Amino acid sequence: MAHTAPRTLLRPRPRRTGRRHPLVATVMALPLAALLLLVFDGWDTVATQASSVGVMLGR
């Protein structure tokens, strides 16, 4: 039988409970919206993304 190194146990990171602040979610979505604007060169895509973020935030 081959001699193997012992495996270490990886502890999962503790999960945060609760909701993310709407401003944090908006800041996270803005770079994606800017990227979509540059890649697809259209305001429709940006408007769709912004609408999706609004629905995610519950507005």
PDB file of N, CA and C in Angstrom:
ATOM      1  N   MET A   1       0.844  -1.177   0.000  1.00  0.00           N
ATOM      2  CA  MET A   1       0.000   0.000   0.000  1.00  0.00           C
ATOM      3  C   MET A   1       0.890   1.242   0.000  1.00  0.00           C
ATOM      4  N   ALA A   2       0.514   2.231  -0.736  1.00  0.00           N
ATOM      5  CA  ALA A   2       1.332   3.440  -0.852  1.00  0.00           C
ATOM      6  C   ALA A   2       1.232   4.278   0.414  1.00  0.00           C
ATOM      7  N   HIS A   3       2.329   4.897   0.745  1.00  0.00           N
ATOM      8  CA  HIS A   3       2.354   5.785   1.904  1.00  0.00           C
ATOM      9  C   HIS A   3       1.899   7.178   1.457  1.00  0.00           C
ATOM     10  N   THR A   4       0.820   7.668   2.023  1.00  0.00           N
ATOM     11  CA  THR A   4       0.284   8.968   1.605  1.00  0.00           C
ATOM     12  C   THR A   4       0.347   9.958   2.754  1.00  0.00           C
ATOM     13  N   ALA A   5       0.395  11.204   2.398  1.00  0.00           N
ATOM     14  CA  ALA A   5       0.398  12.264   3.416  1.00  0.00           C
ATOM     15  C   ALA A   5      -0.994  12.372   4.023  1.00  0.00           C
ATOM     16  N   PRO A   6      -1.066  12.678   5.307  1.00  0.00           N
ATOM     17  CA  PRO A   6      -2.392  12.816   5.929  1.00  0.00           C
ATOM     18  C   PRO A   6      -3.138  14.022   5.349  1.00  0.00           C
ATOM     19  N   ARG A   7      -4.405  13.875   5.246  1.00  0.00           N
ATOM     20  CA  ARG A   7      -5.241  14.962   4.726  1.00  0.00           C
ATOM     21  C   ARG A   7      -5.650  15.875   5.870  1.00  0.00           C
ATOM     22  N   THR A   8      -5.623  17.139   5.585  1.00  0.00           N
ATOM     23  CA  THR A   8      -6.068  18.092   6.598  1.00  0.00           C
ATOM     24  C   THR A   8      -7.542  18.394   6.381  1.00  0.00           C
ATOM     25  N   LEU A   9      -8.210  18.628   7.459  1.00  0.00           N
ATOM     26  CA  LEU A   9      -9.628  18.958   7.358  1.00  0.00           C
ATOM     27  C   LEU A   9      -9.775  20.438   7.067  1.00  0.00           C
ATOM     28  N   LEU A  10     -10.539  20.747   6.049  1.00  0.00           N
ATOM     29  CA  LEU A  10     -10.809  22.135   5.715  1.00  0.00           C
ATOM     30  C   LEU A  10     -12.081  22.562   6.412  1.00  0.00           C
ATOM     31  N   ARG A  11     -11.978  23.607   7.164  1.00  0.00           N
ATOM     32  CA  ARG A  11     -13.152  24.111   7.856  1.00  0.00           C
ATOM     33  C   ARG A  11     -13.868  25.116   6.961  1.00  0.00           C
ATOM     34  N   PRO A  12     -15.149  24.916   6.749  1.00  0.00           N
ATOM     35  CA  PRO A  12     -15.870  25.891   5.928  1.00  0.00           C
ATOM     36  C   PRO A  12     -15.976  27.228   6.651  1.00  0.00           C
ATOM     37  N   ARG A  13     -15.945  28.291   5.865  1.00  0.00           N
ATOM     38  CA  ARG A  13     -16.079  29.611   6.462  1.00  0.00           C
ATOM     39  C   ARG A  13     -17.480  29.789   7.016  1.00  0.00           C
ATOM     40  N   PRO A  14     -17.606  30.499   8.115  1.00  0.00           N
ATOM     41  CA  PRO A  14     -18.954  30.719   8.655  1.00  0.00           C
ATOM     42  C   PRO A  14     -19.778  31.573   7.698  1.00  0.00           C
ATOM     43  N   ARG A  15     -21.014  31.197   7.528  1.00  0.00           N
ATOM     44  CA  ARG A  15     -21.893  31.942   6.621  1.00  0.00           C
ATOM     45  C   ARG A  15     -22.524  33.099   7.364  1.00  0.00           C
ATOM     46  N   ARG A  16     -22.587  34.207   6.688  1.00  0.00           N
ATOM     47  CA  ARG A  16     -23.243  35.363   7.283  1.00  0.00           C
ATOM     48  C   ARG A  16     -24.740  35.238   7.083  1.00  0.00           C
ATOM     49  N   THR A  17     -25.449  35.631   8.084  1.00  0.00           N
ATOM     50  CA  THR A  17     -26.893  35.600   7.971  1.00  0.00           C
ATOM     51  C   THR A  17     -27.381  37.026   7.766  1.00  0.00           C
ATOM     52  N   GLY A  18     -28.566  37.150   7.251  1.00  0.00           N
ATOM     53  CA  GLY A  18     -29.117  38.478   7.023  1.00  0.00           C
ATOM     54  C   GLY A  18     -29.035  38.863   5.558  1.00  0.00           C
ATOM     55  N   ARG A  19     -29.437  40.084   5.305  1.00  0.00           N
ATOM     56  CA  ARG A  19     -29.468  40.570   3.931  1.00  0.00           C
ATOM     57  C   ARG A  19     -28.339  41.552   3.690  1.00  0.00           C
ATOM     58  N   ARG A  20     -27.958  41.648   2.430  1.00  0.00           N
ATOM     59  CA  ARG A  20     -26.921  42.593   2.032  1.00  0.00           C
ATOM     60  C   ARG A  20     -27.549  43.972   1.895  1.00  0.00           C
ATOM     61  N   HIS A  21     -26.812  44.981   2.283  1.00  0.00           N
ATOM     62  CA  HIS A  21     -27.307  46.350   2.198  1.00  0.00           C
ATOM     63  C   HIS A  21     -27.539  46.709   0.730  1.00  0.00           C
ATOM     64  N   PRO A  22     -28.637  47.408   0.419  1.00  0.00           N
ATOM     65  CA  PRO A  22     -28.935  47.749  -0.981  1.00  0.00           C
ATOM     66  C   PRO A  22     -27.822  48.548  -1.659  1.00  0.00           C
ATOM     67  N   LEU A  23     -27.140  49.381  -0.929  1.00  0.00           N
ATOM     68  CA  LEU A  23     -26.057  50.162  -1.534  1.00  0.00           C
ATOM     69  C   LEU A  23     -24.904  49.249  -1.952  1.00  0.00           C
ATOM     70  N   VAL A  24     -24.623  48.233  -1.151  1.00  0.00           N
ATOM     71  CA  VAL A  24     -23.561  47.282  -1.494  1.00  0.00           C
ATOM     72  C   VAL A  24     -23.949  46.505  -2.751  1.00  0.00           C
ATOM     73  N   ALA A  25     -25.189  46.082  -2.832  1.00  0.00           N
ATOM     74  CA  ALA A  25     -25.655  45.360  -4.022  1.00  0.00           C
ATOM     75  C   ALA A  25     -25.580  46.241  -5.259  1.00  0.00           C
ATOM     76  N   THR A  26     -25.907  47.507  -5.108  1.00  0.00           N
ATOM     77  CA  THR A  26     -25.852  48.434  -6.238  1.00  0.00           C
ATOM     78  C   THR A  26     -24.410  48.633  -6.697  1.00  0.00           C
ATOM     79  N   VAL A  27     -23.502  48.804  -5.744  1.00  0.00           N
ATOM     80  CA  VAL A  27     -22.086  48.995  -6.089  1.00  0.00           C
ATOM     81  C   VAL A  27     -21.532  47.750  -6.777  1.00  0.00           C
ATOM     82  N   MET A  28     -22.007  46.587  -6.379  1.00  0.00           N
ATOM     83  CA  MET A  28     -21.555  45.353  -7.015  1.00  0.00           C
ATOM     84  C   MET A  28     -22.107  45.233  -8.439  1.00  0.00           C
ATOM     85  N   ALA A  29     -23.292  45.739  -8.690  1.00  0.00           N
ATOM     86  CA  ALA A  29     -23.921  45.594  -9.998  1.00  0.00           C
ATOM     87  C   ALA A  29     -23.458  46.652 -11.003  1.00  0.00           C
ATOM     88  N   LEU A  30     -23.006  47.800 -10.538  1.00  0.00           N
ATOM     89  CA  LEU A  30     -22.629  48.872 -11.452  1.00  0.00           C
ATOM     90  C   LEU A  30     -21.486  48.503 -12.406  1.00  0.00           C
ATOM     91  N   PRO A  31     -20.430  47.845 -11.942  1.00  0.00           N
ATOM     92  CA  PRO A  31     -19.386  47.459 -12.911  1.00  0.00           C
ATOM     93  C   PRO A  31     -19.906  46.517 -13.994  1.00  0.00           C
ATOM     94  N   LEU A  32     -20.797  45.621 -13.636  1.00  0.00           N
ATOM     95  CA  LEU A  32     -21.373  44.720 -14.628  1.00  0.00           C
ATOM     96  C   LEU A  32     -22.212  45.502 -15.636  1.00  0.00           C
ATOM     97  N   ALA A  33     -22.960  46.460 -15.154  1.00  0.00           N
ATOM     98  CA  ALA A  33     -23.763  47.284 -16.064  1.00  0.00           C
ATOM     99  C   ALA A  33     -22.859  48.070 -17.011  1.00  0.00           C
ATOM    100  N   ALA A  34     -21.764  48.609 -16.502  1.00  0.00           N
ATOM    101  CA  ALA A  34     -20.827  49.348 -17.359  1.00  0.00           C
ATOM    102  C   ALA A  34     -20.191  48.414 -18.386  1.00  0.00           C
ATOM    103  N   LEU A  35     -19.853  47.202 -17.957  1.00  0.00           N
ATOM    104  CA  LEU A  35     -19.274  46.226 -18.886  1.00  0.00           C
ATOM    105  C   LEU A  35     -20.270  45.865 -19.986  1.00  0.00           C
ATOM    106  N   LEU A  36     -21.527  45.650 -19.616  1.00  0.00           N
ATOM    107  CA  LEU A  36     -22.548  45.348 -20.630  1.00  0.00           C
ATOM    108  C   LEU A  36     -22.709  46.502 -21.612  1.00  0.00           C
ATOM    109  N   LEU A  37     -22.621  47.720 -21.106  1.00  0.00           N
ATOM    110  CA  LEU A  37     -22.736  48.881 -21.984  1.00  0.00           C
ATOM    111  C   LEU A  37     -21.599  48.903 -22.994  1.00  0.00           C
ATOM    112  N   LEU A  38     -20.381  48.608 -22.543  1.00  0.00           N
ATOM    113  CA  LEU A  38     -19.238  48.622 -23.448  1.00  0.00           C
ATOM    114  C   LEU A  38     -19.258  47.451 -24.425  1.00  0.00           C
ATOM    115  N   VAL A  39     -19.604  46.269 -23.933  1.00  0.00           N
ATOM    116  CA  VAL A  39     -19.548  45.074 -24.779  1.00  0.00           C
ATOM    117  C   VAL A  39     -20.674  45.071 -25.811  1.00  0.00           C
ATOM    118  N   PHE A  40     -21.887  45.361 -25.372  1.00  0.00           N
ATOM    119  CA  PHE A  40     -23.030  45.262 -26.275  1.00  0.00           C
ATOM    120  C   PHE A  40     -23.420  46.603 -26.873  1.00  0.00           C
ATOM    121  N   ASP A  41     -22.809  47.682 -26.399  1.00  0.00           N
ATOM    122  CA  ASP A  41     -23.020  49.012 -26.952  1.00  0.00           C
ATOM    123  C   ASP A  41     -24.503  49.355 -27.080  1.00  0.00           C
ATOM    124  N   GLY A  42     -25.204  49.220 -25.967  1.00  0.00           N
ATOM    125  CA  GLY A  42     -26.617  49.556 -26.018  1.00  0.00           C
ATOM    126  C   GLY A  42     -27.175  49.896 -24.654  1.00  0.00           C
ATOM    127  N   TRP A  43     -28.045  50.901 -24.631  1.00  0.00           N
ATOM    128  CA  TRP A  43     -28.677  51.303 -23.379  1.00  0.00           C
ATOM    129  C   TRP A  43     -29.743  50.314 -22.938  1.00  0.00           C
ATOM    130  N   ASP A  44     -30.295  49.542 -23.887  1.00  0.00           N
ATOM    131  CA  ASP A  44     -31.333  48.568 -23.532  1.00  0.00           C
ATOM    132  C   ASP A  44     -30.792  47.516 -22.570  1.00  0.00           C
ATOM    133  N   THR A  45     -29.580  47.065 -22.819  1.00  0.00           N
ATOM    134  CA  THR A  45     -28.973  46.062 -21.947  1.00  0.00           C
ATOM    135  C   THR A  45     -28.749  46.629 -20.548  1.00  0.00           C
ATOM    136  N   VAL A  46     -28.273  47.875 -20.500  1.00  0.00           N
ATOM    137  CA  VAL A  46     -28.026  48.501 -19.202  1.00  0.00           C
ATOM    138  C   VAL A  46     -29.345  48.708 -18.459  1.00  0.00           C
ATOM    139  N   ALA A  47     -30.383  49.120 -19.180  1.00  0.00           N
ATOM    140  CA  ALA A  47     -31.686  49.316 -18.545  1.00  0.00           C
ATOM    141  C   ALA A  47     -32.239  47.995 -18.027  1.00  0.00           C
ATOM    142  N   THR A  48     -32.063  46.923 -18.774  1.00  0.00           N
ATOM    143  CA  THR A  48     -32.519  45.607 -18.334  1.00  0.00           C
ATOM    144  C   THR A  48     -31.776  45.176 -17.073  1.00  0.00           C
ATOM    145  N   GLN A  49     -30.472  45.404 -17.052  1.00  0.00           N
ATOM    146  CA  GLN A  49     -29.679  45.037 -15.880  1.00  0.00           C
ATOM    147  C   GLN A  49     -30.104  45.862 -14.668  1.00  0.00           C
ATOM    148  N   ALA A  50     -30.312  47.157 -14.869  1.00  0.00           N
ATOM    149  CA  ALA A  50     -30.722  48.024 -13.761  1.00  0.00           C
ATOM    150  C   ALA A  50     -32.102  47.599 -13.246  1.00  0.00           C
ATOM    151  N   SER A  51     -32.976  47.204 -14.144  1.00  0.00           N
ATOM    152  CA  SER A  51     -34.297  46.744 -13.732  1.00  0.00           C
ATOM    153  C   SER A  51     -34.178  45.461 -12.921  1.00  0.00           C
ATOM    154  N   SER A  52     -33.296  44.569 -13.323  1.00  0.00           N
ATOM    155  CA  SER A  52     -33.100  43.329 -12.582  1.00  0.00           C
ATOM    156  C   SER A  52     -32.572  43.604 -11.174  1.00  0.00           C
ATOM    157  N   VAL A  53     -31.659  44.562 -11.075  1.00  0.00           N
ATOM    158  CA  VAL A  53     -31.139  44.919  -9.758  1.00  0.00           C
ATOM    159  C   VAL A  53     -32.239  45.513  -8.904  1.00  0.00           C
ATOM    160  N   GLY A  54     -33.107  46.338  -9.510  1.00  0.00           N
ATOM    161  CA  GLY A  54     -34.227  46.910  -8.762  1.00  0.00           C
ATOM    162  C   GLY A  54     -35.166  45.839  -8.243  1.00  0.00           C
ATOM    163  N   VAL A  55     -35.434  44.839  -9.061  1.00  0.00           N
ATOM    164  CA  VAL A  55     -36.297  43.741  -8.619  1.00  0.00           C
ATOM    165  C   VAL A  55     -35.611  42.957  -7.509  1.00  0.00           C
ATOM    166  N   MET A  56     -34.307  42.760  -7.641  1.00  0.00           N
ATOM    167  CA  MET A  56     -33.567  42.036  -6.599  1.00  0.00           C
ATOM    168  C   MET A  56     -33.617  42.779  -5.268  1.00  0.00           C
ATOM    169  N   LEU A  57     -33.573  44.100  -5.337  1.00  0.00           N
ATOM    170  CA  LEU A  57     -33.615  44.897  -4.122  1.00  0.00           C
ATOM    171  C   LEU A  57     -35.034  45.033  -3.569  1.00  0.00           C
ATOM    172  N   GLY A  58     -36.004  44.582  -4.341  1.00  0.00           N
ATOM    173  CA  GLY A  58     -37.384  44.614  -3.868  1.00  0.00           C
ATOM    174  C   GLY A  58     -38.079  45.939  -4.083  1.00  0.00           C
ATOM    175  N   ARG A  59     -37.699  46.632  -5.138  1.00  0.00           N
ATOM    176  CA  ARG A  59     -38.326  47.943  -5.410  1.00  0.00           C
ATOM    177  C   ARG A  59     -39.139  47.872  -6.675  1.00  0.00           C
TER     178      ARG A  59
END
